[in-house]
Amino acid sequence: MPYSEIIAILEAEGFLYENEEIFPQLLCLKSNVKCIPSVSYRASFLKDCGIEIFRCRAEENEITRKASEENSFGRYLLKGQTFSVRIKKVETGSSIDTGKIERIIGKAILEKTKYGRVQLSNPNISFLGVLTNNLLIFGLKNNNLSLHRNPLRRPKSRPFFHPSIMMPKLARCMVNLARVNSSSLVLDPFCGTGSILLEAGLIGCEIVGSDLSLQMVKGSRQNLEYFKIQPASLLIADAKCLPFHKIARVVTDPPYGITSSTFKRYTKTIISEFLFFIADILMEGGYVAISIPNSIKIKEICETLNYRIVEQHSLREHRSLTREIIVLQKL
């Protein structure tokens, strides 16, 4: 799912990409470097992001040779700036000494630039290498990754809390999977405490929410106001009969599980009726990102409606619940 989230952000922001390579814990692709700020700010499961400078076999002699031959370090490191080199080992069985590799590459950077200065704490420039799949992939790290990692987004830090709340990372990821951008109008018809609306609002989307519970609508409004996010509309309504039309993006987490109220209706019935209704108001080419329990056979529901399953991801929540994140597109 983290890989899919990056691709969805690129598509939403209109960046072309090609040559995707998926390694353990690493995605490499060719795209415009201007995409990095958007990806760094939006992606919820992203740990690091940057520009690849070189790659080689994960062998000390090969790394030494490749670093000594690299002539582009001066393009990223300006006079008077400090830098650090960090190597992350994804493959735990590798015998490579990461500290030694950091020193080898750091020395090569100093020799090539002549004016750089090593500073491990808060450097101006951070270089990062990842040892994965018998390769070292080395590049320039984006240091502005934590702009949206606000601790106040933690569920228990908000004014209104409920045990059924969706965690911020997953809510942000679902918003991204729906291919939204800052000009999108996002609807959540099961808004609950407002987690999905909050993440869409932080990206800059216009947001519309509803819930059958008055308590949840009030709580959602409290949480949005706490983050100074103003919804276009927030109302009490049944998801199978909403006063909206022509919606392009729907992101939602219908009620299920022991902490959620389904108002004495079966979860499958709720989801089926919702998808049937949304099919009429969703614009052609529009997306629905929905979270459901894996006991619901979404393919059977979609066969009777005009949806294409774009992607499907499974998340084990606990012993009795596996959550499915489904992205649908109206044909």
Protein backbone atom coordinates (compact mmCIF):
# COMPACT_ATOMS: atom_id res chain seq x y z
CA MET A 1 0.00 0.00 0.00
CA PRO A 2 2.82 2.54 0.63
CA TYR A 3 4.01 2.04 -2.95
CA SER A 4 0.48 2.51 -4.31
CA GLU A 5 0.10 5.69 -2.27
CA ILE A 6 3.14 7.28 -3.97
CA ILE A 7 1.84 6.39 -7.43
CA ALA A 8 -1.60 7.78 -6.57
CA ILE A 9 -0.07 11.10 -5.43
CA LEU A 10 1.91 11.45 -8.66
CA GLU A 11 -1.24 10.79 -10.71
CA ALA A 12 -3.29 13.22 -8.62
CA GLU A 13 -0.72 16.00 -8.97
CA GLY A 14 -0.28 15.41 -12.71
CA PHE A 15 3.32 14.16 -12.67
CA LEU A 16 4.31 11.66 -15.33
CA TYR A 17 6.46 8.74 -14.22
CA GLU A 18 8.05 5.62 -15.66
CA ASN A 19 10.51 2.81 -14.91
CA GLU A 20 9.00 1.93 -11.53
CA GLU A 21 11.22 -0.48 -9.58
CA ILE A 22 9.94 -1.97 -6.34
CA PHE A 23 12.54 -3.18 -3.85
CA PRO A 24 12.02 -4.20 -0.21
CA GLN A 25 11.06 -0.93 1.54
CA LEU A 26 12.09 1.16 -1.47
CA LEU A 27 10.38 2.50 -4.61
CA CYS A 28 12.47 3.97 -7.43
CA LEU A 29 11.02 5.68 -10.49
CA LYS A 30 11.78 8.33 -13.07
CA SER A 31 9.80 11.57 -12.76
CA ASN A 32 10.11 15.34 -12.55
CA VAL A 33 12.08 16.35 -9.42
CA LYS A 34 9.38 18.97 -8.75
CA CYS A 35 7.17 16.13 -7.51
CA ILE A 36 9.32 15.66 -4.39
CA PRO A 37 7.72 18.42 -2.23
CA SER A 38 4.22 17.12 -2.99
CA VAL A 39 5.13 13.50 -2.28
CA SER A 40 7.09 14.43 0.86
CA TYR A 41 4.22 16.47 2.29
CA ARG A 42 1.32 14.21 1.33
CA ALA A 43 2.52 10.61 1.72
CA SER A 44 1.59 9.06 5.06
CA PHE A 45 3.75 5.93 5.01
CA LEU A 46 6.84 7.60 3.56
CA LYS A 47 9.98 7.60 5.70
CA ASP A 48 12.45 9.21 3.30
CA CYS A 49 12.32 10.70 -0.18
CA GLY A 50 14.90 12.18 -2.54
CA ILE A 51 16.92 12.07 -5.74
CA GLU A 52 18.94 9.01 -6.74
CA ILE A 53 22.58 9.87 -7.48
CA PHE A 54 24.10 6.44 -8.11
CA ARG A 55 23.59 2.75 -7.52
CA CYS A 56 25.89 -0.25 -7.48
CA ARG A 57 26.32 -3.74 -6.11
CA ALA A 58 26.32 -3.88 -2.32
CA GLU A 59 30.02 -4.68 -2.08
CA GLU A 60 32.60 -2.48 -0.35
CA ASN A 61 35.06 -2.35 -3.26
CA GLU A 62 32.31 -1.57 -5.75
CA ILE A 63 30.84 1.16 -3.51
CA THR A 64 34.29 2.72 -3.03
CA ARG A 65 34.92 2.76 -6.78
CA LYS A 66 31.49 4.14 -7.63
CA ALA A 67 31.67 6.93 -5.03
CA SER A 68 35.16 7.98 -6.13
CA GLU A 69 34.03 8.20 -9.77
CA GLU A 70 30.85 10.20 -9.05
CA ASN A 71 31.21 13.83 -10.17
CA SER A 72 27.76 15.22 -9.32
CA PHE A 73 28.12 15.78 -5.56
CA GLY A 74 29.02 19.44 -6.09
CA ARG A 75 25.67 19.94 -7.83
CA TYR A 76 23.88 19.38 -4.52
CA LEU A 77 26.39 20.70 -1.97
CA LEU A 78 27.09 24.44 -2.11
CA LYS A 79 30.06 26.29 -0.63
CA GLY A 80 29.77 26.71 3.12
CA GLN A 81 27.12 24.02 3.55
CA THR A 82 27.35 21.09 5.93
CA PHE A 83 26.37 17.55 5.07
CA SER A 84 25.84 14.07 6.48
CA VAL A 85 25.90 10.58 4.98
CA ARG A 86 23.65 7.87 6.34
CA ILE A 87 23.29 4.28 5.15
CA LYS A 88 20.18 2.22 5.97
CA LYS A 89 20.33 -1.55 5.81
CA VAL A 90 17.05 -3.18 4.75
CA GLU A 91 18.50 -6.68 4.41
CA THR A 92 19.34 -7.78 7.94
CA GLY A 93 21.52 -10.63 6.68
CA SER A 94 24.00 -8.30 4.94
CA SER A 95 27.51 -8.27 6.42
CA ILE A 96 28.33 -4.76 5.17
CA ASP A 97 29.51 -2.32 7.84
CA THR A 98 27.23 0.70 7.31
CA GLY A 99 29.44 2.98 9.39
CA LYS A 100 32.44 2.19 7.20
CA ILE A 101 30.44 2.78 4.02
CA GLU A 102 29.27 6.16 5.39
CA ARG A 103 32.89 7.16 5.98
CA ILE A 104 33.98 5.99 2.51
CA ILE A 105 31.28 7.97 0.71
CA GLY A 106 31.71 10.99 3.02
CA LYS A 107 35.42 11.07 2.19
CA ALA A 108 34.63 10.87 -1.55
CA ILE A 109 32.21 13.81 -1.24
CA LEU A 110 34.85 15.91 0.57
CA GLU A 111 37.45 15.12 -2.08
CA LYS A 112 35.07 15.95 -4.92
CA THR A 113 33.66 19.22 -3.52
CA LYS A 114 36.71 20.52 -1.54
CA TYR A 115 34.50 22.90 0.48
CA GLY A 116 31.98 20.65 2.23
CA ARG A 117 31.98 20.03 5.99
CA VAL A 118 30.59 16.98 7.75
CA GLN A 119 27.93 17.62 10.39
CA LEU A 120 25.84 14.69 11.57
CA SER A 121 23.30 16.75 13.53
CA ASN A 122 21.00 19.06 11.51
CA PRO A 123 23.19 19.35 8.39
CA ASN A 124 22.25 21.57 5.47
CA ILE A 125 22.36 18.61 3.11
CA SER A 126 21.60 14.96 3.89
CA PHE A 127 22.79 12.10 1.70
CA LEU A 128 21.11 8.72 2.18
CA GLY A 129 21.91 5.25 0.92
CA VAL A 130 19.69 2.17 1.15
CA LEU A 131 21.10 -1.35 1.07
CA THR A 132 18.39 -3.52 -0.44
CA ASN A 133 18.17 -6.45 -2.84
CA ASN A 134 22.01 -6.74 -2.98
CA LEU A 135 22.26 -3.12 -4.15
CA LEU A 136 23.28 0.20 -2.66
CA ILE A 137 20.98 2.93 -3.95
CA PHE A 138 22.43 6.29 -2.91
CA GLY A 139 20.96 9.75 -3.22
CA LEU A 140 20.09 13.18 -1.89
CA LYS A 141 17.48 13.12 0.89
CA ASN A 142 14.70 15.68 1.14
CA ASN A 143 14.99 17.23 4.63
CA ASN A 144 11.48 18.73 4.60
CA LEU A 145 9.62 15.47 5.16
CA SER A 146 8.02 16.22 8.53
CA LEU A 147 5.92 19.26 7.63
CA HIS A 148 2.58 17.50 8.29
CA ARG A 149 3.69 15.20 11.15
CA ASN A 150 1.80 17.30 13.70
CA PRO A 151 1.48 15.46 17.06
CA LEU A 152 -1.91 17.16 17.57
CA ARG A 153 -3.27 14.89 14.81
CA ARG A 154 -3.06 11.97 17.22
CA PRO A 155 -6.63 10.86 17.98
CA LYS A 156 -6.44 11.34 21.74
CA SER A 157 -5.06 14.87 21.32
CA ARG A 158 -8.24 16.03 19.58
CA PRO A 159 -11.26 17.55 21.36
CA PHE A 160 -13.56 14.67 20.37
CA PHE A 161 -12.50 11.03 20.56
CA HIS A 162 -14.27 7.74 19.87
CA PRO A 163 -12.78 4.19 19.97
CA SER A 164 -13.78 3.58 16.33
CA ILE A 165 -11.59 6.46 15.10
CA MET A 166 -9.36 5.85 12.08
CA MET A 167 -5.67 6.55 12.65
CA PRO A 168 -4.21 9.59 10.80
CA LYS A 169 -1.74 7.61 8.66
CA LEU A 170 -4.40 5.33 7.24
CA ALA A 171 -6.89 8.18 6.76
CA ARG A 172 -4.26 10.22 4.87
CA CYS A 173 -3.32 7.20 2.76
CA MET A 174 -6.95 6.59 1.78
CA VAL A 175 -7.34 10.23 0.75
CA ASN A 176 -4.23 9.92 -1.40
CA LEU A 177 -5.40 6.65 -2.97
CA ALA A 178 -8.53 8.47 -4.18
CA ARG A 179 -6.27 10.63 -6.39
CA VAL A 180 -7.31 13.95 -4.84
CA ASN A 181 -5.53 17.28 -5.26
CA SER A 182 -5.99 20.69 -3.69
CA SER A 183 -8.83 21.51 -6.11
CA SER A 184 -10.82 18.35 -5.29
CA LEU A 185 -14.12 18.21 -3.44
CA VAL A 186 -14.00 15.20 -1.10
CA LEU A 187 -17.09 13.57 0.38
CA ASP A 188 -17.11 11.30 3.44
CA PRO A 189 -20.69 10.04 4.03
CA PHE A 190 -19.68 8.14 7.20
CA CYS A 191 -17.54 10.92 8.64
CA GLY A 192 -17.52 9.74 12.28
CA THR A 193 -14.98 11.83 14.20
CA GLY A 194 -13.78 13.52 11.01
CA SER A 195 -10.42 11.75 10.53
CA ILE A 196 -10.71 11.46 6.76
CA LEU A 197 -12.13 14.97 6.37
CA LEU A 198 -9.27 16.32 8.48
CA GLU A 199 -6.59 14.72 6.30
CA ALA A 200 -8.27 15.88 3.09
CA GLY A 201 -8.59 19.38 4.54
CA LEU A 202 -4.90 19.48 5.51
CA ILE A 203 -4.00 18.71 1.89
CA GLY A 204 -6.16 21.68 0.87
CA CYS A 205 -9.25 19.91 -0.46
CA GLU A 206 -12.77 21.25 -0.09
CA ILE A 207 -14.55 18.80 2.21
CA VAL A 208 -18.13 17.63 2.65
CA GLY A 209 -19.18 15.19 5.37
CA SER A 210 -22.23 13.50 6.78
CA ASP A 211 -23.16 10.90 9.36
CA LEU A 212 -26.36 9.37 10.67
CA SER A 213 -25.27 10.14 14.25
CA LEU A 214 -25.75 13.66 15.61
CA GLN A 215 -23.02 13.00 18.18
CA MET A 216 -20.52 12.15 15.44
CA VAL A 217 -21.41 15.19 13.32
CA LYS A 218 -20.94 17.47 16.32
CA GLY A 219 -17.69 15.74 17.25
CA SER A 220 -16.40 15.93 13.69
CA ARG A 221 -17.11 19.65 13.60
CA GLN A 222 -15.23 20.12 16.88
CA ASN A 223 -12.17 18.34 15.55
CA LEU A 224 -12.15 20.25 12.27
CA GLU A 225 -12.52 23.58 14.07
CA TYR A 226 -9.60 22.61 16.31
CA PHE A 227 -7.41 22.47 13.19
CA LYS A 228 -9.05 25.60 11.70
CA ILE A 229 -10.54 23.61 8.80
CA GLN A 230 -13.91 24.81 7.54
CA PRO A 231 -16.03 22.15 5.79
CA ALA A 232 -18.19 23.18 2.86
CA SER A 233 -20.98 21.14 4.45
CA LEU A 234 -21.32 18.86 7.47
CA LEU A 235 -24.73 17.38 8.14
CA ILE A 236 -26.81 14.53 9.54
CA ALA A 237 -27.81 12.24 6.68
CA ASP A 238 -28.19 8.60 5.66
CA ALA A 239 -25.42 7.53 3.26
CA LYS A 240 -27.94 5.85 0.97
CA CYS A 241 -29.88 9.09 0.51
CA LEU A 242 -27.56 12.10 0.42
CA PRO A 243 -28.50 15.64 -0.71
CA PHE A 244 -25.48 15.86 -3.05
CA HIS A 245 -24.90 15.33 -6.76
CA LYS A 246 -21.93 15.17 -9.11
CA ILE A 247 -19.21 14.14 -6.67
CA ALA A 248 -15.77 13.22 -8.06
CA ARG A 249 -14.01 11.87 -4.95
CA VAL A 250 -15.46 9.81 -2.10
CA VAL A 251 -13.29 8.58 0.77
CA THR A 252 -14.96 6.77 3.63
CA ASP A 253 -14.85 4.20 6.43
CA PRO A 254 -18.36 2.76 6.99
CA PRO A 255 -19.23 1.50 10.49
CA TYR A 256 -18.32 -2.06 11.40
CA GLY A 257 -16.65 -3.76 14.34
CA ILE A 258 -17.58 -3.87 18.00
CA THR A 259 -16.98 -0.15 18.69
CA SER A 260 -19.05 1.15 15.76
CA SER A 261 -22.80 1.68 15.62
CA THR A 262 -24.54 0.31 12.54
CA PHE A 263 -28.02 1.37 13.72
CA LYS A 264 -29.09 -2.31 13.74
CA ARG A 265 -28.32 -2.79 10.05
CA TYR A 266 -26.01 -5.42 8.55
CA THR A 267 -22.63 -4.09 7.43
CA LYS A 268 -22.98 -5.69 3.98
CA THR A 269 -26.37 -4.01 3.55
CA ILE A 270 -24.94 -0.62 4.53
CA ILE A 271 -22.05 -0.92 2.06
CA SER A 272 -24.18 -2.31 -0.78
CA GLU A 273 -26.83 0.42 -0.45
CA PHE A 274 -24.16 3.11 -0.18
CA LEU A 275 -22.27 1.98 -3.29
CA PHE A 276 -25.53 1.64 -5.22
CA PHE A 277 -26.52 5.22 -4.32
CA ILE A 278 -23.05 6.72 -4.88
CA ALA A 279 -22.92 5.18 -8.36
CA ASP A 280 -25.66 7.62 -9.40
CA ILE A 281 -23.95 10.79 -8.12
CA LEU A 282 -20.30 9.88 -8.78
CA MET A 283 -18.90 11.56 -11.87
CA GLU A 284 -17.56 9.42 -14.69
CA GLY A 285 -13.93 8.60 -13.92
CA GLY A 286 -14.46 9.51 -10.26
CA TYR A 287 -12.91 7.50 -7.42
CA VAL A 288 -14.22 5.87 -4.26
CA ALA A 289 -11.69 4.81 -1.58
CA ILE A 290 -13.49 2.71 1.01
CA SER A 291 -12.48 0.65 4.03
CA ILE A 292 -14.45 -2.56 4.62
CA PRO A 293 -14.00 -5.83 6.54
CA ASN A 294 -12.61 -8.64 4.39
CA SER A 295 -15.77 -10.67 4.99
CA ILE A 296 -17.54 -8.39 2.48
CA LYS A 297 -17.11 -9.67 -1.07
CA ILE A 298 -16.70 -6.35 -2.86
CA LYS A 299 -16.33 -7.97 -6.29
CA GLU A 300 -19.84 -9.40 -6.08
CA ILE A 301 -21.24 -5.95 -5.27
CA CYS A 302 -19.29 -4.22 -8.05
CA GLU A 303 -20.42 -6.73 -10.68
CA THR A 304 -23.94 -5.27 -10.51
CA LEU A 305 -22.72 -1.65 -10.60
CA ASN A 306 -20.59 0.42 -12.94
CA TYR A 307 -17.32 0.28 -10.95
CA ARG A 308 -13.82 -0.89 -11.75
CA ILE A 309 -11.66 -2.16 -8.89
CA VAL A 310 -8.45 -0.14 -9.26
CA GLU A 311 -6.62 -1.68 -6.31
CA GLN A 312 -7.24 -3.67 -3.16
CA HIS A 313 -5.11 -3.85 0.00
CA SER A 314 -5.44 -6.00 3.14
CA LEU A 315 -4.52 -4.77 6.63
CA ARG A 316 -4.62 -7.07 9.65
CA GLU A 317 -6.10 -5.01 12.50
CA HIS A 318 -6.36 -7.74 15.13
CA ARG A 319 -7.29 -11.41 15.47
CA SER A 320 -10.94 -10.95 14.52
CA LEU A 321 -10.65 -8.21 11.87
CA THR A 322 -8.77 -7.79 8.60
CA ARG A 323 -9.50 -4.48 6.94
CA GLU A 324 -9.68 -4.14 3.15
CA ILE A 325 -8.85 -0.81 1.53
CA ILE A 326 -10.58 -0.77 -1.86
CA VAL A 327 -10.21 1.87 -4.57
CA LEU A 328 -13.04 1.93 -7.12
CA GLN A 329 -13.40 4.01 -10.26
CA LYS A 330 -16.67 4.72 -12.01
CA LEU A 331 -16.61 3.69 -15.64
